[in-house]
Amino acid sequence: MAAEKLGMSYRYVWNYLARVKNALGEPIVETFKGGRTGGGGAKLTLLGEHLLKEYSRIENYVVEVLGDEEYWEAVGLKISARNRLKGVVKSVERGDVVTKVKVEITVPATITALISTEAADDLSIQVNDEVEVVIKATEVMIAKEK
């Protein structure tokens, strides 16, 4: 079900989890077999919970640093204006793992970003909030002034 919510195939996710298990030497997901009436499922192991917490912490830090223009200027870098688009949040669809945020930018276009639900909660993303869409080479993030 989580794979489906993320738009990924079941097989891809399980193969990915197997590669992570091989790399770490222990699983990050524990599975439970169901009976005739169902009841099967999966949950994160303690290691999986720790990794997810650390990923979220680092993601939040990176989002904060990327949005801090004074930081970038202090280290002699600037974010390209082409990669920052101001807009207004038009919809927020919260999921268990990711939240889909649609932002209408001033140039007639709408950008859709998949961000972690924790990040959406940390930013208190709401419909009609003014935000900036920061475009990275591999993903689209959401930034909001504090």
Protein backbone atom coordinates (compact mmCIF):
# COMPACT_ATOMS: atom_id res chain seq x y z
CA MET A 1 0.00 0.00 0.00
CA ALA A 2 2.85 2.46 0.81
CA ALA A 3 4.53 1.67 -2.53
CA GLU A 4 1.27 2.43 -4.32
CA LYS A 5 0.88 5.75 -2.46
CA LEU A 6 4.38 6.73 -3.59
CA GLY A 7 3.68 5.70 -7.19
CA MET A 8 6.26 2.89 -7.03
CA SER A 9 5.87 -0.77 -7.85
CA TYR A 10 5.68 -3.29 -5.02
CA ARG A 11 8.58 -5.25 -6.51
CA TYR A 12 10.80 -2.14 -6.81
CA VAL A 13 10.24 -1.23 -3.14
CA TRP A 14 10.95 -4.75 -1.88
CA ASN A 15 14.09 -5.01 -4.05
CA TYR A 16 15.22 -1.62 -2.72
CA LEU A 17 14.61 -2.73 0.88
CA ALA A 18 16.61 -5.91 0.18
CA ARG A 19 19.54 -3.81 -1.12
CA VAL A 20 19.38 -1.63 2.01
CA LYS A 21 19.34 -4.76 4.20
CA ASN A 22 22.39 -6.14 2.36
CA ALA A 23 24.24 -2.82 2.69
CA LEU A 24 23.47 -2.40 6.41
CA GLY A 25 23.63 -6.04 7.42
CA GLU A 26 20.21 -5.94 9.05
CA PRO A 27 16.64 -5.21 7.96
CA ILE A 28 14.94 -1.84 8.31
CA VAL A 29 11.47 -3.36 7.82
CA GLU A 30 9.89 -6.26 9.70
CA THR A 31 7.11 -8.20 7.94
CA PHE A 32 4.17 -10.12 9.35
CA LYS A 33 2.36 -12.91 7.52
CA GLY A 34 -1.40 -12.86 7.50
CA GLY A 35 -3.83 -15.70 7.79
CA ARG A 36 -6.99 -16.45 5.87
CA THR A 37 -8.57 -13.27 7.21
CA GLY A 38 -5.61 -11.06 6.43
CA GLY A 39 -3.61 -9.41 9.16
CA GLY A 40 -0.29 -9.35 7.32
CA GLY A 41 1.81 -6.24 7.06
CA ALA A 42 5.12 -4.58 7.66
CA LYS A 43 6.59 -2.05 10.06
CA LEU A 44 9.91 -0.32 10.54
CA THR A 45 12.48 -1.95 12.78
CA LEU A 46 14.24 0.20 15.40
CA LEU A 47 17.04 0.75 12.85
CA GLY A 48 14.46 1.76 10.22
CA GLU A 49 12.84 4.23 12.63
CA HIS A 50 16.26 5.69 13.47
CA LEU A 51 17.20 6.05 9.79
CA LEU A 52 13.87 7.72 8.95
CA LYS A 53 14.25 10.12 11.88
CA GLU A 54 17.82 11.01 10.82
CA TYR A 55 16.76 11.45 7.18
CA SER A 56 13.98 13.83 8.24
CA ARG A 57 16.35 15.76 10.49
CA ILE A 58 18.89 16.17 7.70
CA GLU A 59 16.21 17.02 5.14
CA ASN A 60 14.82 19.74 7.43
CA TYR A 61 18.32 21.13 7.96
CA VAL A 62 19.04 21.20 4.22
CA VAL A 63 15.71 22.92 3.52
CA GLU A 64 16.53 25.51 6.17
CA VAL A 65 20.04 26.10 4.83
CA LEU A 66 18.86 26.31 1.21
CA GLY A 67 16.30 28.93 2.19
CA ASP A 68 18.85 31.05 4.09
CA GLU A 69 20.25 33.43 1.45
CA GLU A 70 22.49 35.10 4.06
CA TYR A 71 24.18 31.73 4.68
CA TRP A 72 24.85 31.23 0.98
CA GLU A 73 26.20 34.77 0.63
CA ALA A 74 28.43 34.22 3.69
CA VAL A 75 30.08 31.24 1.99
CA GLY A 76 30.28 33.11 -1.31
CA LEU A 77 27.46 31.31 -3.13
CA LYS A 78 24.10 32.38 -4.47
CA ILE A 79 21.14 30.29 -5.46
CA SER A 80 20.22 30.91 -9.10
CA ALA A 81 17.08 33.01 -9.45
CA ARG A 82 15.95 30.51 -12.08
CA ASN A 83 15.68 27.89 -9.32
CA ARG A 84 13.49 29.95 -6.97
CA LEU A 85 9.86 30.58 -7.82
CA LYS A 86 7.45 32.46 -5.55
CA GLY A 87 3.88 31.24 -5.48
CA VAL A 88 0.75 30.47 -3.48
CA VAL A 89 -0.22 27.01 -2.14
CA LYS A 90 -3.38 25.86 -3.91
CA SER A 91 -3.78 22.39 -2.38
CA VAL A 92 -2.24 20.18 0.31
CA GLU A 93 -2.85 16.41 0.21
CA ARG A 94 -1.38 14.82 3.36
CA GLY A 95 -0.31 11.21 3.31
CA ASP A 96 1.26 8.96 5.93
CA VAL A 97 4.73 9.35 4.44
CA VAL A 98 4.60 12.17 1.88
CA THR A 99 2.44 15.23 1.34
CA LYS A 100 1.62 16.57 -2.12
CA VAL A 101 1.72 20.39 -2.22
CA LYS A 102 0.53 22.23 -5.35
CA VAL A 103 1.93 25.76 -5.70
CA GLU A 104 0.70 28.28 -8.26
CA ILE A 105 3.63 30.46 -9.28
CA THR A 106 3.32 33.98 -10.71
CA VAL A 107 4.27 32.81 -14.20
CA PRO A 108 1.14 30.95 -15.29
CA ALA A 109 2.09 27.45 -14.11
CA THR A 110 1.51 25.17 -11.13
CA ILE A 111 4.38 23.20 -9.59
CA THR A 112 3.70 19.97 -7.69
CA ALA A 113 6.21 18.90 -5.02
CA LEU A 114 6.24 15.71 -2.96
CA ILE A 115 7.69 16.54 0.47
CA SER A 116 7.72 14.52 3.66
CA THR A 117 4.64 14.94 5.83
CA GLU A 118 6.97 15.87 8.68
CA ALA A 119 8.44 18.70 6.59
CA ALA A 120 4.93 19.88 5.63
CA ASP A 121 3.98 19.88 9.32
CA ASP A 122 7.22 21.66 10.33
CA LEU A 123 6.52 24.40 7.76
CA SER A 124 2.80 24.47 8.72
CA ILE A 125 1.93 24.35 5.01
CA GLN A 126 -1.64 25.54 4.43
CA VAL A 127 -3.67 26.44 1.33
CA ASN A 128 -3.06 30.09 0.29
CA ASP A 129 0.33 30.32 2.09
CA GLU A 130 2.92 32.31 0.13
CA VAL A 131 5.96 30.08 -0.40
CA GLU A 132 8.98 29.70 -2.68
CA VAL A 133 9.51 26.64 -4.84
CA VAL A 134 13.22 25.76 -4.80
CA ILE A 135 14.11 23.52 -7.72
CA LYS A 136 17.05 21.14 -7.26
CA ALA A 137 18.47 18.89 -9.93
CA THR A 138 16.73 15.81 -8.50
CA GLU A 139 13.61 17.11 -6.78
CA VAL A 140 11.29 20.04 -6.03
CA MET A 141 11.17 21.34 -2.44
CA ILE A 142 9.00 23.90 -0.63
CA ALA A 143 10.44 26.86 1.35
CA LYS A 144 8.45 29.28 3.52
CA GLU A 145 9.59 32.36 5.45
CA LYS A 146 9.36 31.86 9.21
